[in-house]
Amino acid sequence: MLFKIRNILASLLLTAGLATSGVTCAAINQNDHQAALATAEKMYDVMLGEGAAHEANWESPKLLADIKDPIIPGNTLHVLEFSVMDPTNGAYQRIHVLVNIDGGVAGAEILYAGR
């Protein structure tokens, strides 16, 4: 229960931060953030089994430096990094979700980050 409250609070704080920051708000809107989170959860479920994302401990996402889009020259992708811990074995993963500046998820990758 405490974990769910913490996740809701973290989500609200992130939303408030996105709404009050002119640069960040222009970069990632609420719909893009929700799409990025859904993508991260799907990737985690594929890697660890259905329902693993629901049981895992998620940290607040970080907005990393933008990268150049390798597919569309001149386009920029925003990078949201989600850190997640598997409670059964204590292993951490980082999930990078690429968000197109025009909106929507452009890709994602999952990285093992240790125990």
PDB file of N, CA and C in Angstrom:
ATOM      1  N   MET A   1       0.820  -1.188   0.000  1.00  0.00           N
ATOM      2  CA  MET A   1       0.000   0.000   0.000  1.00  0.00           C
ATOM      3  C   MET A   1       0.869   1.259   0.000  1.00  0.00           C
ATOM      4  N   LEU A   2       1.876   1.259   0.872  1.00  0.00           N
ATOM      5  CA  LEU A   2       2.783   2.408   0.941  1.00  0.00           C
ATOM      6  C   LEU A   2       3.487   2.620  -0.389  1.00  0.00           C
ATOM      7  N   PHE A   3       3.853   1.501  -1.051  1.00  0.00           N
ATOM      8  CA  PHE A   3       4.519   1.587  -2.353  1.00  0.00           C
ATOM      9  C   PHE A   3       3.615   2.266  -3.373  1.00  0.00           C
ATOM     10  N   LYS A   4       2.327   1.905  -3.389  1.00  0.00           N
ATOM     11  CA  LYS A   4       1.398   2.497  -4.358  1.00  0.00           C
ATOM     12  C   LYS A   4       1.217   3.987  -4.096  1.00  0.00           C
ATOM     13  N   ILE A   5       1.130   4.367  -2.816  1.00  0.00           N
ATOM     14  CA  ILE A   5       1.004   5.781  -2.477  1.00  0.00           C
ATOM     15  C   ILE A   5       2.251   6.532  -2.919  1.00  0.00           C
ATOM     16  N   ARG A   6       3.430   5.917  -2.702  1.00  0.00           N
ATOM     17  CA  ARG A   6       4.685   6.551  -3.106  1.00  0.00           C
ATOM     18  C   ARG A   6       4.724   6.741  -4.620  1.00  0.00           C
ATOM     19  N   ASN A   7       4.264   5.736  -5.376  1.00  0.00           N
ATOM     20  CA  ASN A   7       4.255   5.854  -6.838  1.00  0.00           C
ATOM     21  C   ASN A   7       3.300   6.947  -7.312  1.00  0.00           C
ATOM     22  N   ILE A   8       2.144   7.050  -6.662  1.00  0.00           N
ATOM     23  CA  ILE A   8       1.184   8.090  -7.041  1.00  0.00           C
ATOM     24  C   ILE A   8       1.778   9.461  -6.741  1.00  0.00           C
ATOM     25  N   LEU A   9       2.404   9.595  -5.571  1.00  0.00           N
ATOM     26  CA  LEU A   9       3.031  10.861  -5.202  1.00  0.00           C
ATOM     27  C   LEU A   9       4.151  11.218  -6.172  1.00  0.00           C
ATOM     28  N   ALA A  10       4.981  10.239  -6.529  1.00  0.00           N
ATOM     29  CA  ALA A  10       6.073  10.496  -7.469  1.00  0.00           C
ATOM     30  C   ALA A  10       5.521  10.932  -8.815  1.00  0.00           C
ATOM     31  N   SER A  11       4.443  10.302  -9.258  1.00  0.00           N
ATOM     32  CA  SER A  11       3.826  10.668 -10.532  1.00  0.00           C
ATOM     33  C   SER A  11       3.271  12.092 -10.482  1.00  0.00           C
ATOM     34  N   LEU A  12       2.641  12.447  -9.362  1.00  0.00           N
ATOM     35  CA  LEU A  12       2.107  13.798  -9.227  1.00  0.00           C
ATOM     36  C   LEU A  12       3.224  14.833  -9.199  1.00  0.00           C
ATOM     37  N   LEU A  13       4.319  14.518  -8.496  1.00  0.00           N
ATOM     38  CA  LEU A  13       5.452  15.443  -8.463  1.00  0.00           C
ATOM     39  C   LEU A  13       6.059  15.617  -9.840  1.00  0.00           C
ATOM     40  N   LEU A  14       6.182  14.519 -10.590  1.00  0.00           N
ATOM     41  CA  LEU A  14       6.715  14.615 -11.948  1.00  0.00           C
ATOM     42  C   LEU A  14       5.794  15.459 -12.818  1.00  0.00           C
ATOM     43  N   THR A  15       4.501  15.231 -12.704  1.00  0.00           N
ATOM     44  CA  THR A  15       3.541  15.999 -13.490  1.00  0.00           C
ATOM     45  C   THR A  15       3.626  17.484 -13.144  1.00  0.00           C
ATOM     46  N   ALA A  16       3.732  17.794 -11.851  1.00  0.00           N
ATOM     47  CA  ALA A  16       3.854  19.191 -11.437  1.00  0.00           C
ATOM     48  C   ALA A  16       5.139  19.800 -11.984  1.00  0.00           C
ATOM     49  N   GLY A  17       6.216  19.027 -11.948  1.00  0.00           N
ATOM     50  CA  GLY A  17       7.485  19.512 -12.487  1.00  0.00           C
ATOM     51  C   GLY A  17       7.413  19.758 -13.978  1.00  0.00           C
ATOM     52  N   LEU A  18       6.747  18.863 -14.676  1.00  0.00           N
ATOM     53  CA  LEU A  18       6.611  19.038 -16.127  1.00  0.00           C
ATOM     54  C   LEU A  18       5.739  20.241 -16.453  1.00  0.00           C
ATOM     55  N   ALA A  19       4.718  20.459 -15.666  1.00  0.00           N
ATOM     56  CA  ALA A  19       3.791  21.554 -15.947  1.00  0.00           C
ATOM     57  C   ALA A  19       4.393  22.918 -15.625  1.00  0.00           C
ATOM     58  N   THR A  20       5.289  22.963 -14.646  1.00  0.00           N
ATOM     59  CA  THR A  20       5.830  24.256 -14.234  1.00  0.00           C
ATOM     60  C   THR A  20       7.133  24.617 -14.916  1.00  0.00           C
ATOM     61  N   SER A  21       7.756  23.689 -15.602  1.00  0.00           N
ATOM     62  CA  SER A  21       9.022  23.971 -16.263  1.00  0.00           C
ATOM     63  C   SER A  21       8.772  24.225 -17.743  1.00  0.00           C
ATOM     64  N   GLY A  22       9.055  25.440 -18.210  1.00  0.00           N
ATOM     65  CA  GLY A  22       8.803  25.782 -19.607  1.00  0.00           C
ATOM     66  C   GLY A  22       9.541  24.897 -20.576  1.00  0.00           C
ATOM     67  N   VAL A  23      10.816  24.617 -20.326  1.00  0.00           N
ATOM     68  CA  VAL A  23      11.604  23.794 -21.239  1.00  0.00           C
ATOM     69  C   VAL A  23      11.113  22.360 -21.222  1.00  0.00           C
ATOM     70  N   THR A  24      10.956  21.803 -20.029  1.00  0.00           N
ATOM     71  CA  THR A  24      10.540  20.402 -19.915  1.00  0.00           C
ATOM     72  C   THR A  24       9.111  20.214 -20.389  1.00  0.00           C
ATOM     73  N   CYS A  25       8.240  21.138 -20.060  1.00  0.00           N
ATOM     74  CA  CYS A  25       6.839  21.024 -20.450  1.00  0.00           C
ATOM     75  C   CYS A  25       6.714  20.995 -21.970  1.00  0.00           C
ATOM     76  N   ALA A  26       7.508  21.810 -22.644  1.00  0.00           N
ATOM     77  CA  ALA A  26       7.485  21.818 -24.096  1.00  0.00           C
ATOM     78  C   ALA A  26       8.062  20.525 -24.642  1.00  0.00           C
ATOM     79  N   ALA A  27       8.950  19.887 -23.883  1.00  0.00           N
ATOM     80  CA  ALA A  27       9.622  18.686 -24.349  1.00  0.00           C
ATOM     81  C   ALA A  27       8.740  17.449 -24.213  1.00  0.00           C
ATOM     82  N   ILE A  28       8.196  17.238 -23.044  1.00  0.00           N
ATOM     83  CA  ILE A  28       7.398  16.035 -22.783  1.00  0.00           C
ATOM     84  C   ILE A  28       6.070  16.467 -22.174  1.00  0.00           C
ATOM     85  N   ASN A  29       4.987  16.233 -22.881  1.00  0.00           N
ATOM     86  CA  ASN A  29       3.688  16.559 -22.307  1.00  0.00           C
ATOM     87  C   ASN A  29       3.130  15.330 -21.579  1.00  0.00           C
ATOM     88  N   GLN A  30       2.005  15.504 -20.919  1.00  0.00           N
ATOM     89  CA  GLN A  30       1.423  14.431 -20.106  1.00  0.00           C
ATOM     90  C   GLN A  30       1.095  13.190 -20.936  1.00  0.00           C
ATOM     91  N   ASN A  31       0.566  13.367 -22.137  1.00  0.00           N
ATOM     92  CA  ASN A  31       0.240  12.219 -22.991  1.00  0.00           C
ATOM     93  C   ASN A  31       1.495  11.454 -23.389  1.00  0.00           C
ATOM     94  N   ASP A  32       2.562  12.190 -23.737  1.00  0.00           N
ATOM     95  CA  ASP A  32       3.823  11.540 -24.095  1.00  0.00           C
ATOM     96  C   ASP A  32       4.404  10.795 -22.891  1.00  0.00           C
ATOM     97  N   HIS A  33       4.297  11.405 -21.710  1.00  0.00           N
ATOM     98  CA  HIS A  33       4.800  10.756 -20.495  1.00  0.00           C
ATOM     99  C   HIS A  33       4.049   9.447 -20.233  1.00  0.00           C
ATOM    100  N   GLN A  34       2.728   9.477 -20.361  1.00  0.00           N
ATOM    101  CA  GLN A  34       1.926   8.263 -20.137  1.00  0.00           C
ATOM    102  C   GLN A  34       2.249   7.180 -21.168  1.00  0.00           C
ATOM    103  N   ALA A  35       2.448   7.586 -22.422  1.00  0.00           N
ATOM    104  CA  ALA A  35       2.814   6.622 -23.467  1.00  0.00           C
ATOM    105  C   ALA A  35       4.188   6.020 -23.185  1.00  0.00           C
ATOM    106  N   ALA A  36       5.127   6.853 -22.705  1.00  0.00           N
ATOM    107  CA  ALA A  36       6.466   6.369 -22.376  1.00  0.00           C
ATOM    108  C   ALA A  36       6.415   5.377 -21.213  1.00  0.00           C
ATOM    109  N   LEU A  37       5.619   5.674 -20.200  1.00  0.00           N
ATOM    110  CA  LEU A  37       5.478   4.769 -19.060  1.00  0.00           C
ATOM    111  C   LEU A  37       4.851   3.447 -19.492  1.00  0.00           C
ATOM    112  N   ALA A  38       3.823   3.508 -20.323  1.00  0.00           N
ATOM    113  CA  ALA A  38       3.182   2.276 -20.812  1.00  0.00           C
ATOM    114  C   ALA A  38       4.177   1.432 -21.607  1.00  0.00           C
ATOM    115  N   THR A  39       5.007   2.074 -22.423  1.00  0.00           N
ATOM    116  CA  THR A  39       6.028   1.356 -23.196  1.00  0.00           C
ATOM    117  C   THR A  39       7.044   0.714 -22.270  1.00  0.00           C
ATOM    118  N   ALA A  40       7.495   1.448 -21.249  1.00  0.00           N
ATOM    119  CA  ALA A  40       8.465   0.903 -20.295  1.00  0.00           C
ATOM    120  C   ALA A  40       7.890  -0.306 -19.567  1.00  0.00           C
ATOM    121  N   GLU A  41       6.640  -0.224 -19.157  1.00  0.00           N
ATOM    122  CA  GLU A  41       6.001  -1.340 -18.466  1.00  0.00           C
ATOM    123  C   GLU A  41       5.867  -2.561 -19.379  1.00  0.00           C
ATOM    124  N   LYS A  42       5.503  -2.342 -20.643  1.00  0.00           N
ATOM    125  CA  LYS A  42       5.387  -3.452 -21.592  1.00  0.00           C
ATOM    126  C   LYS A  42       6.735  -4.129 -21.806  1.00  0.00           C
ATOM    127  N   MET A  43       7.789  -3.333 -21.960  1.00  0.00           N
ATOM    128  CA  MET A  43       9.129  -3.900 -22.153  1.00  0.00           C
ATOM    129  C   MET A  43       9.543  -4.730 -20.935  1.00  0.00           C
ATOM    130  N   TYR A  44       9.250  -4.229 -19.763  1.00  0.00           N
ATOM    131  CA  TYR A  44       9.606  -4.934 -18.532  1.00  0.00           C
ATOM    132  C   TYR A  44       8.837  -6.251 -18.434  1.00  0.00           C
ATOM    133  N   ASP A  45       7.549  -6.223 -18.789  1.00  0.00           N
ATOM    134  CA  ASP A  45       6.747  -7.455 -18.779  1.00  0.00           C
ATOM    135  C   ASP A  45       7.276  -8.476 -19.780  1.00  0.00           C
ATOM    136  N   VAL A  46       7.705  -8.014 -20.951  1.00  0.00           N
ATOM    137  CA  VAL A  46       8.253  -8.930 -21.958  1.00  0.00           C
ATOM    138  C   VAL A  46       9.533  -9.586 -21.432  1.00  0.00           C
ATOM    139  N   MET A  47      10.357  -8.802 -20.755  1.00  0.00           N
ATOM    140  CA  MET A  47      11.629  -9.322 -20.266  1.00  0.00           C
ATOM    141  C   MET A  47      11.458 -10.261 -19.071  1.00  0.00           C
ATOM    142  N   LEU A  48      10.570  -9.903 -18.136  1.00  0.00           N
ATOM    143  CA  LEU A  48      10.477 -10.663 -16.886  1.00  0.00           C
ATOM    144  C   LEU A  48       9.177 -11.445 -16.711  1.00  0.00           C
ATOM    145  N   GLY A  49       8.288 -11.352 -17.653  1.00  0.00           N
ATOM    146  CA  GLY A  49       7.036 -12.103 -17.559  1.00  0.00           C
ATOM    147  C   GLY A  49       5.852 -11.191 -17.274  1.00  0.00           C
ATOM    148  N   GLU A  50       4.704 -11.624 -17.741  1.00  0.00           N
ATOM    149  CA  GLU A  50       3.479 -10.843 -17.610  1.00  0.00           C
ATOM    150  C   GLU A  50       3.191 -10.526 -16.144  1.00  0.00           C
ATOM    151  N   GLY A  51       2.922  -9.267 -15.870  1.00  0.00           N
ATOM    152  CA  GLY A  51       2.615  -8.823 -14.522  1.00  0.00           C
ATOM    153  C   GLY A  51       3.824  -8.366 -13.714  1.00  0.00           C
ATOM    154  N   ALA A  52       5.026  -8.554 -14.250  1.00  0.00           N
ATOM    155  CA  ALA A  52       6.240  -8.168 -13.523  1.00  0.00           C
ATOM    156  C   ALA A  52       6.298  -6.660 -13.293  1.00  0.00           C
ATOM    157  N   ALA A  53       5.831  -5.881 -14.245  1.00  0.00           N
ATOM    158  CA  ALA A  53       5.868  -4.419 -14.112  1.00  0.00           C
ATOM    159  C   ALA A  53       4.992  -3.959 -12.959  1.00  0.00           C
ATOM    160  N   HIS A  54       3.891  -4.642 -12.751  1.00  0.00           N
ATOM    161  CA  HIS A  54       2.980  -4.280 -11.661  1.00  0.00           C
ATOM    162  C   HIS A  54       3.607  -4.566 -10.299  1.00  0.00           C
ATOM    163  N   GLU A  55       4.399  -5.624 -10.209  1.00  0.00           N
ATOM    164  CA  GLU A  55       5.020  -6.023  -8.946  1.00  0.00           C
ATOM    165  C   GLU A  55       6.334  -5.298  -8.663  1.00  0.00           C
ATOM    166  N   ALA A  56       6.930  -4.686  -9.670  1.00  0.00           N
ATOM    167  CA  ALA A  56       8.258  -4.072  -9.533  1.00  0.00           C
ATOM    168  C   ALA A  56       8.182  -2.727  -8.818  1.00  0.00           C
ATOM    169  N   ASN A  57       9.332  -2.294  -8.316  1.00  0.00           N
ATOM    170  CA  ASN A  57       9.464  -0.990  -7.664  1.00  0.00           C
ATOM    171  C   ASN A  57      10.008   0.011  -8.678  1.00  0.00           C
ATOM    172  N   TRP A  58       9.189   0.991  -9.068  1.00  0.00           N
ATOM    173  CA  TRP A  58       9.548   1.976 -10.076  1.00  0.00           C
ATOM    174  C   TRP A  58       9.979   3.271  -9.404  1.00  0.00           C
ATOM    175  N   GLU A  59      11.046   3.860  -9.891  1.00  0.00           N
ATOM    176  CA  GLU A  59      11.482   5.175  -9.422  1.00  0.00           C
ATOM    177  C   GLU A  59      10.957   6.227 -10.389  1.00  0.00           C
ATOM    178  N   SER A  60      10.959   7.463  -9.956  1.00  0.00           N
ATOM    179  CA  SER A  60      10.525   8.563 -10.827  1.00  0.00           C
ATOM    180  C   SER A  60      11.446   8.637 -12.043  1.00  0.00           C
ATOM    181  N   PRO A  61      10.876   8.840 -13.232  1.00  0.00           N
ATOM    182  CA  PRO A  61      11.715   8.909 -14.430  1.00  0.00           C
ATOM    183  C   PRO A  61      12.560  10.173 -14.457  1.00  0.00           C
ATOM    184  N   LYS A  62      13.689  10.058 -15.158  1.00  0.00           N
ATOM    185  CA  LYS A  62      14.578  11.203 -15.359  1.00  0.00           C
ATOM    186  C   LYS A  62      14.524  11.589 -16.826  1.00  0.00           C
ATOM    187  N   LEU A  63      14.553  12.872 -17.085  1.00  0.00           N
ATOM    188  CA  LEU A  63      14.644  13.359 -18.450  1.00  0.00           C
ATOM    189  C   LEU A  63      16.123  13.544 -18.756  1.00  0.00           C
ATOM    190  N   LEU A  64      16.653  12.710 -19.650  1.00  0.00           N
ATOM    191  CA  LEU A  64      18.066  12.775 -20.022  1.00  0.00           C
ATOM    192  C   LEU A  64      18.251  13.740 -21.189  1.00  0.00           C
ATOM    193  N   ALA A  65      19.486  13.912 -21.595  1.00  0.00           N
ATOM    194  CA  ALA A  65      19.791  14.793 -22.726  1.00  0.00           C
ATOM    195  C   ALA A  65      19.156  14.265 -24.012  1.00  0.00           C
ATOM    196  N   ASP A  66      18.680  15.178 -24.844  1.00  0.00           N
ATOM    197  CA  ASP A  66      18.111  14.807 -26.140  1.00  0.00           C
ATOM    198  C   ASP A  66      19.189  14.172 -27.019  1.00  0.00           C
ATOM    199  N   ILE A  67      18.742  13.332 -27.950  1.00  0.00           N
ATOM    200  CA  ILE A  67      19.659  12.720 -28.906  1.00  0.00           C
ATOM    201  C   ILE A  67      19.162  13.008 -30.324  1.00  0.00           C
ATOM    202  N   LYS A  68      20.059  12.860 -31.289  1.00  0.00           N
ATOM    203  CA  LYS A  68      19.671  13.013 -32.697  1.00  0.00           C
ATOM    204  C   LYS A  68      18.951  11.748 -33.137  1.00  0.00           C
ATOM    205  N   ASP A  69      17.900  11.929 -33.880  1.00  0.00           N
ATOM    206  CA  ASP A  69      17.128  10.807 -34.406  1.00  0.00           C
ATOM    207  C   ASP A  69      17.932  10.121 -35.506  1.00  0.00           C
ATOM    208  N   PRO A  70      18.240   8.821 -35.349  1.00  0.00           N
ATOM    209  CA  PRO A  70      19.033   8.137 -36.374  1.00  0.00           C
ATOM    210  C   PRO A  70      18.243   7.845 -37.653  1.00  0.00           C
ATOM    211  N   ILE A  71      16.925   7.937 -37.585  1.00  0.00           N
ATOM    212  CA  ILE A  71      16.075   7.618 -38.742  1.00  0.00           C
ATOM    213  C   ILE A  71      15.719   8.872 -39.546  1.00  0.00           C
ATOM    214  N   ILE A  72      15.357   9.945 -38.842  1.00  0.00           N
ATOM    215  CA  ILE A  72      14.929  11.168 -39.508  1.00  0.00           C
ATOM    216  C   ILE A  72      15.983  12.250 -39.284  1.00  0.00           C
ATOM    217  N   PRO A  73      16.789  12.556 -40.309  1.00  0.00           N
ATOM    218  CA  PRO A  73      17.834  13.576 -40.151  1.00  0.00           C
ATOM    219  C   PRO A  73      17.252  14.919 -39.713  1.00  0.00           C
ATOM    220  N   GLY A  74      17.927  15.549 -38.771  1.00  0.00           N
ATOM    221  CA  GLY A  74      17.487  16.839 -38.274  1.00  0.00           C
ATOM    222  C   GLY A  74      16.452  16.770 -37.160  1.00  0.00           C
ATOM    223  N   ASN A  75      15.919  15.591 -36.903  1.00  0.00           N
ATOM    224  CA  ASN A  75      14.929  15.425 -35.843  1.00  0.00           C
ATOM    225  C   ASN A  75      15.632  15.127 -34.522  1.00  0.00           C
ATOM    226  N   THR A  76      15.008  15.487 -33.423  1.00  0.00           N
ATOM    227  CA  THR A  76      15.547  15.255 -32.093  1.00  0.00           C
ATOM    228  C   THR A  76      14.600  14.356 -31.320  1.00  0.00           C
ATOM    229  N   LEU A  77      15.172  13.480 -30.499  1.00  0.00           N
ATOM    230  CA  LEU A  77      14.383  12.604 -29.630  1.00  0.00           C
ATOM    231  C   LEU A  77      14.684  12.934 -28.176  1.00  0.00           C
ATOM    232  N   HIS A  78      13.645  13.015 -27.370  1.00  0.00           N
ATOM    233  CA  HIS A  78      13.800  13.183 -25.935  1.00  0.00           C
ATOM    234  C   HIS A  78      13.964  11.794 -25.321  1.00  0.00           C
ATOM    235  N   VAL A  79      14.742  11.692 -24.258  1.00  0.00           N
ATOM    236  CA  VAL A  79      14.999  10.400 -23.616  1.00  0.00           C
ATOM    237  C   VAL A  79      14.509  10.449 -22.179  1.00  0.00           C
ATOM    238  N   LEU A  80      13.532   9.587 -21.865  1.00  0.00           N
ATOM    239  CA  LEU A  80      13.070   9.411 -20.495  1.00  0.00           C
ATOM    240  C   LEU A  80      13.677   8.114 -19.973  1.00  0.00           C
ATOM    241  N   GLU A  81      14.304   8.177 -18.815  1.00  0.00           N
ATOM    242  CA  GLU A  81      14.906   6.983 -18.217  1.00  0.00           C
ATOM    243  C   GLU A  81      14.094   6.564 -17.000  1.00  0.00           C
ATOM    244  N   PHE A  82      13.570   5.338 -17.064  1.00  0.00           N
ATOM    245  CA  PHE A  82      12.851   4.744 -15.950  1.00  0.00           C
ATOM    246  C   PHE A  82      13.771   3.733 -15.278  1.00  0.00           C
ATOM    247  N   SER A  83      13.919   3.812 -13.949  1.00  0.00           N
ATOM    248  CA  SER A  83      14.679   2.818 -13.193  1.00  0.00           C
ATOM    249  C   SER A  83      13.679   1.945 -12.454  1.00  0.00           C
ATOM    250  N   VAL A  84      13.918   0.648 -12.496  1.00  0.00           N
ATOM    251  CA  VAL A  84      12.977  -0.290 -11.897  1.00  0.00           C
ATOM    252  C   VAL A  84      13.743  -1.427 -11.231  1.00  0.00           C
ATOM    253  N   MET A  85      13.224  -1.903 -10.086  1.00  0.00           N
ATOM    254  CA  MET A  85      13.873  -2.982  -9.355  1.00  0.00           C
ATOM    255  C   MET A  85      12.920  -4.161  -9.227  1.00  0.00           C
ATOM    256  N   ASP A  86      13.426  -5.340  -9.561  1.00  0.00           N
ATOM    257  CA  ASP A  86      12.667  -6.577  -9.422  1.00  0.00           C
ATOM    258  C   ASP A  86      12.727  -6.986  -7.951  1.00  0.00           C
ATOM    259  N   PRO A  87      11.589  -6.994  -7.239  1.00  0.00           N
ATOM    260  CA  PRO A  87      11.625  -7.289  -5.809  1.00  0.00           C
ATOM    261  C   PRO A  87      11.999  -8.739  -5.488  1.00  0.00           C
ATOM    262  N   THR A  88      11.858  -9.649  -6.442  1.00  0.00           N
ATOM    263  CA  THR A  88      12.172 -11.052  -6.155  1.00  0.00           C
ATOM    264  C   THR A  88      13.661 -11.328  -6.091  1.00  0.00           C
ATOM    265  N   ASN A  89      14.467 -10.588  -6.853  1.00  0.00           N
ATOM    266  CA  ASN A  89      15.909 -10.847  -6.829  1.00  0.00           C
ATOM    267  C   ASN A  89      16.767  -9.590  -6.639  1.00  0.00           C
ATOM    268  N   GLY A  90      16.148  -8.436  -6.520  1.00  0.00           N
ATOM    269  CA  GLY A  90      16.888  -7.201  -6.270  1.00  0.00           C
ATOM    270  C   GLY A  90      17.636  -6.643  -7.466  1.00  0.00           C
ATOM    271  N   ALA A  91      17.371  -7.156  -8.662  1.00  0.00           N
ATOM    272  CA  ALA A  91      18.056  -6.676  -9.862  1.00  0.00           C
ATOM    273  C   ALA A  91      17.404  -5.390 -10.362  1.00  0.00           C
ATOM    274  N   TYR A  92      18.255  -4.453 -10.782  1.00  0.00           N
ATOM    275  CA  TYR A  92      17.788  -3.178 -11.325  1.00  0.00           C
ATOM    276  C   TYR A  92      17.941  -3.165 -12.842  1.00  0.00           C
ATOM    277  N   GLN A  93      16.981  -2.529 -13.489  1.00  0.00           N
ATOM    278  CA  GLN A  93      17.062  -2.260 -14.914  1.00  0.00           C
ATOM    279  C   GLN A  93      16.777  -0.785 -15.122  1.00  0.00           C
ATOM    280  N   ARG A  94      17.345  -0.270 -16.199  1.00  0.00           N
ATOM    281  CA  ARG A  94      17.009   1.078 -16.653  1.00  0.00           C
ATOM    282  C   ARG A  94      16.347   0.923 -18.011  1.00  0.00           C
ATOM    283  N   ILE A  95      15.253   1.599 -18.180  1.00  0.00           N
ATOM    284  CA  ILE A  95      14.533   1.553 -19.445  1.00  0.00           C
ATOM    285  C   ILE A  95      14.535   2.959 -20.026  1.00  0.00           C
ATOM    286  N   HIS A  96      15.156   3.089 -21.200  1.00  0.00           N
ATOM    287  CA  HIS A  96      15.182   4.369 -21.906  1.00  0.00           C
ATOM    288  C   HIS A  96      14.072   4.355 -22.939  1.00  0.00           C
ATOM    289  N   VAL A  97      13.196   5.334 -22.868  1.00  0.00           N
ATOM    290  CA  VAL A  97      12.116   5.462 -23.839  1.00  0.00           C
ATOM    291  C   VAL A  97      12.365   6.744 -24.631  1.00  0.00           C
ATOM    292  N   LEU A  98      12.393   6.609 -25.941  1.00  0.00           N
ATOM    293  CA  LEU A  98      12.638   7.740 -26.843  1.00  0.00           C
ATOM    294  C   LEU A  98      11.304   8.334 -27.269  1.00  0.00           C
ATOM    295  N   VAL A  99      11.163   9.628 -27.053  1.00  0.00           N
ATOM    296  CA  VAL A  99       9.923  10.330 -27.374  1.00  0.00           C
ATOM    297  C   VAL A  99      10.217  11.356 -28.459  1.00  0.00           C
ATOM    298  N   ASN A 100       9.484  11.281 -29.558  1.00  0.00           N
ATOM    299  CA  ASN A 100       9.646  12.194 -30.680  1.00  0.00           C
ATOM    300  C   ASN A 100       9.183  13.585 -30.274  1.00  0.00           C
ATOM    301  N   ILE A 101       9.856  14.609 -30.762  1.00  0.00           N
ATOM    302  CA  ILE A 101       9.469  15.982 -30.405  1.00  0.00           C
ATOM    303  C   ILE A 101       8.085  16.339 -30.934  1.00  0.00           C
ATOM    304  N   ASP A 102       7.613  15.604 -31.924  1.00  0.00           N
ATOM    305  CA  ASP A 102       6.272  15.825 -32.447  1.00  0.00           C
ATOM    306  C   ASP A 102       5.222  15.050 -31.663  1.00  0.00           C
ATOM    307  N   GLY A 103       5.672  14.262 -30.671  1.00  0.00           N
ATOM    308  CA  GLY A 103       4.759  13.483 -29.835  1.00  0.00           C
ATOM    309  C   GLY A 103       4.805  12.011 -30.179  1.00  0.00           C
ATOM    310  N   GLY A 104       4.660  11.195 -29.181  1.00  0.00           N
ATOM    311  CA  GLY A 104       4.613   9.753 -29.356  1.00  0.00           C
ATOM    312  C   GLY A 104       5.959   9.089 -29.112  1.00  0.00           C
ATOM    313  N   VAL A 105       5.885   7.822 -28.789  1.00  0.00           N
ATOM    314  CA  VAL A 105       7.076   7.027 -28.509  1.00  0.00           C
ATOM    315  C   VAL A 105       7.712   6.585 -29.819  1.00  0.00           C
ATOM    316  N   ALA A 106       9.023   6.789 -29.920  1.00  0.00           N
ATOM    317  CA  ALA A 106       9.758   6.436 -31.134  1.00  0.00           C
ATOM    318  C   ALA A 106      10.582   5.165 -30.955  1.00  0.00           C
ATOM    319  N   GLY A 107      10.798   4.724 -29.738  1.00  0.00           N
ATOM    320  CA  GLY A 107      11.586   3.526 -29.496  1.00  0.00           C
ATOM    321  C   GLY A 107      11.918   3.398 -28.023  1.00  0.00           C
ATOM    322  N   ALA A 108      12.541   2.271 -27.668  1.00  0.00           N
ATOM    323  CA  ALA A 108      12.907   2.030 -26.272  1.00  0.00           C
ATOM    324  C   ALA A 108      13.986   0.974 -26.198  1.00  0.00           C
ATOM    325  N   GLU A 109      14.711   0.995 -25.078  1.00  0.00           N
ATOM    326  CA  GLU A 109      15.710  -0.027 -24.820  1.00  0.00           C
ATOM    327  C   GLU A 109      15.730  -0.298 -23.329  1.00  0.00           C
ATOM    328  N   ILE A 110      16.103  -1.524 -22.973  1.00  0.00           N
ATOM    329  CA  ILE A 110      16.196  -1.890 -21.562  1.00  0.00           C
ATOM    330  C   ILE A 110      17.630  -2.298 -21.273  1.00  0.00           C
ATOM    331  N   LEU A 111      18.174  -1.807 -20.160  1.00  0.00           N
ATOM    332  CA  LEU A 111      19.563  -2.047 -19.797  1.00  0.00           C
ATOM    333  C   LEU A 111      19.615  -2.652 -18.390  1.00  0.00           C
ATOM    334  N   TYR A 112      20.405  -3.711 -18.218  1.00  0.00           N
ATOM    335  CA  TYR A 112      20.618  -4.278 -16.888  1.00  0.00           C
ATOM    336  C   TYR A 112      21.522  -3.325 -16.110  1.00  0.00           C
ATOM    337  N   ALA A 113      21.142  -2.987 -14.888  1.00  0.00           N
ATOM    338  CA  ALA A 113      21.910  -2.012 -14.107  1.00  0.00           C
ATOM    339  C   ALA A 113      22.523  -2.610 -12.846  1.00  0.00           C
ATOM    340  N   GLY A 114      22.397  -3.907 -12.634  1.00  0.00           N
ATOM    341  CA  GLY A 114      23.033  -4.550 -11.477  1.00  0.00           C
ATOM    342  C   GLY A 114      22.073  -4.844 -10.360  1.00  0.00           C
ATOM    343  N   ARG A 115      22.646  -5.243  -9.236  1.00  0.00           N
ATOM    344  CA  ARG A 115      21.857  -5.578  -8.024  1.00  0.00           C
ATOM    345  C   ARG A 115      22.189  -4.633  -6.923  1.00  0.00           C
TER     346      ARG A 115
END
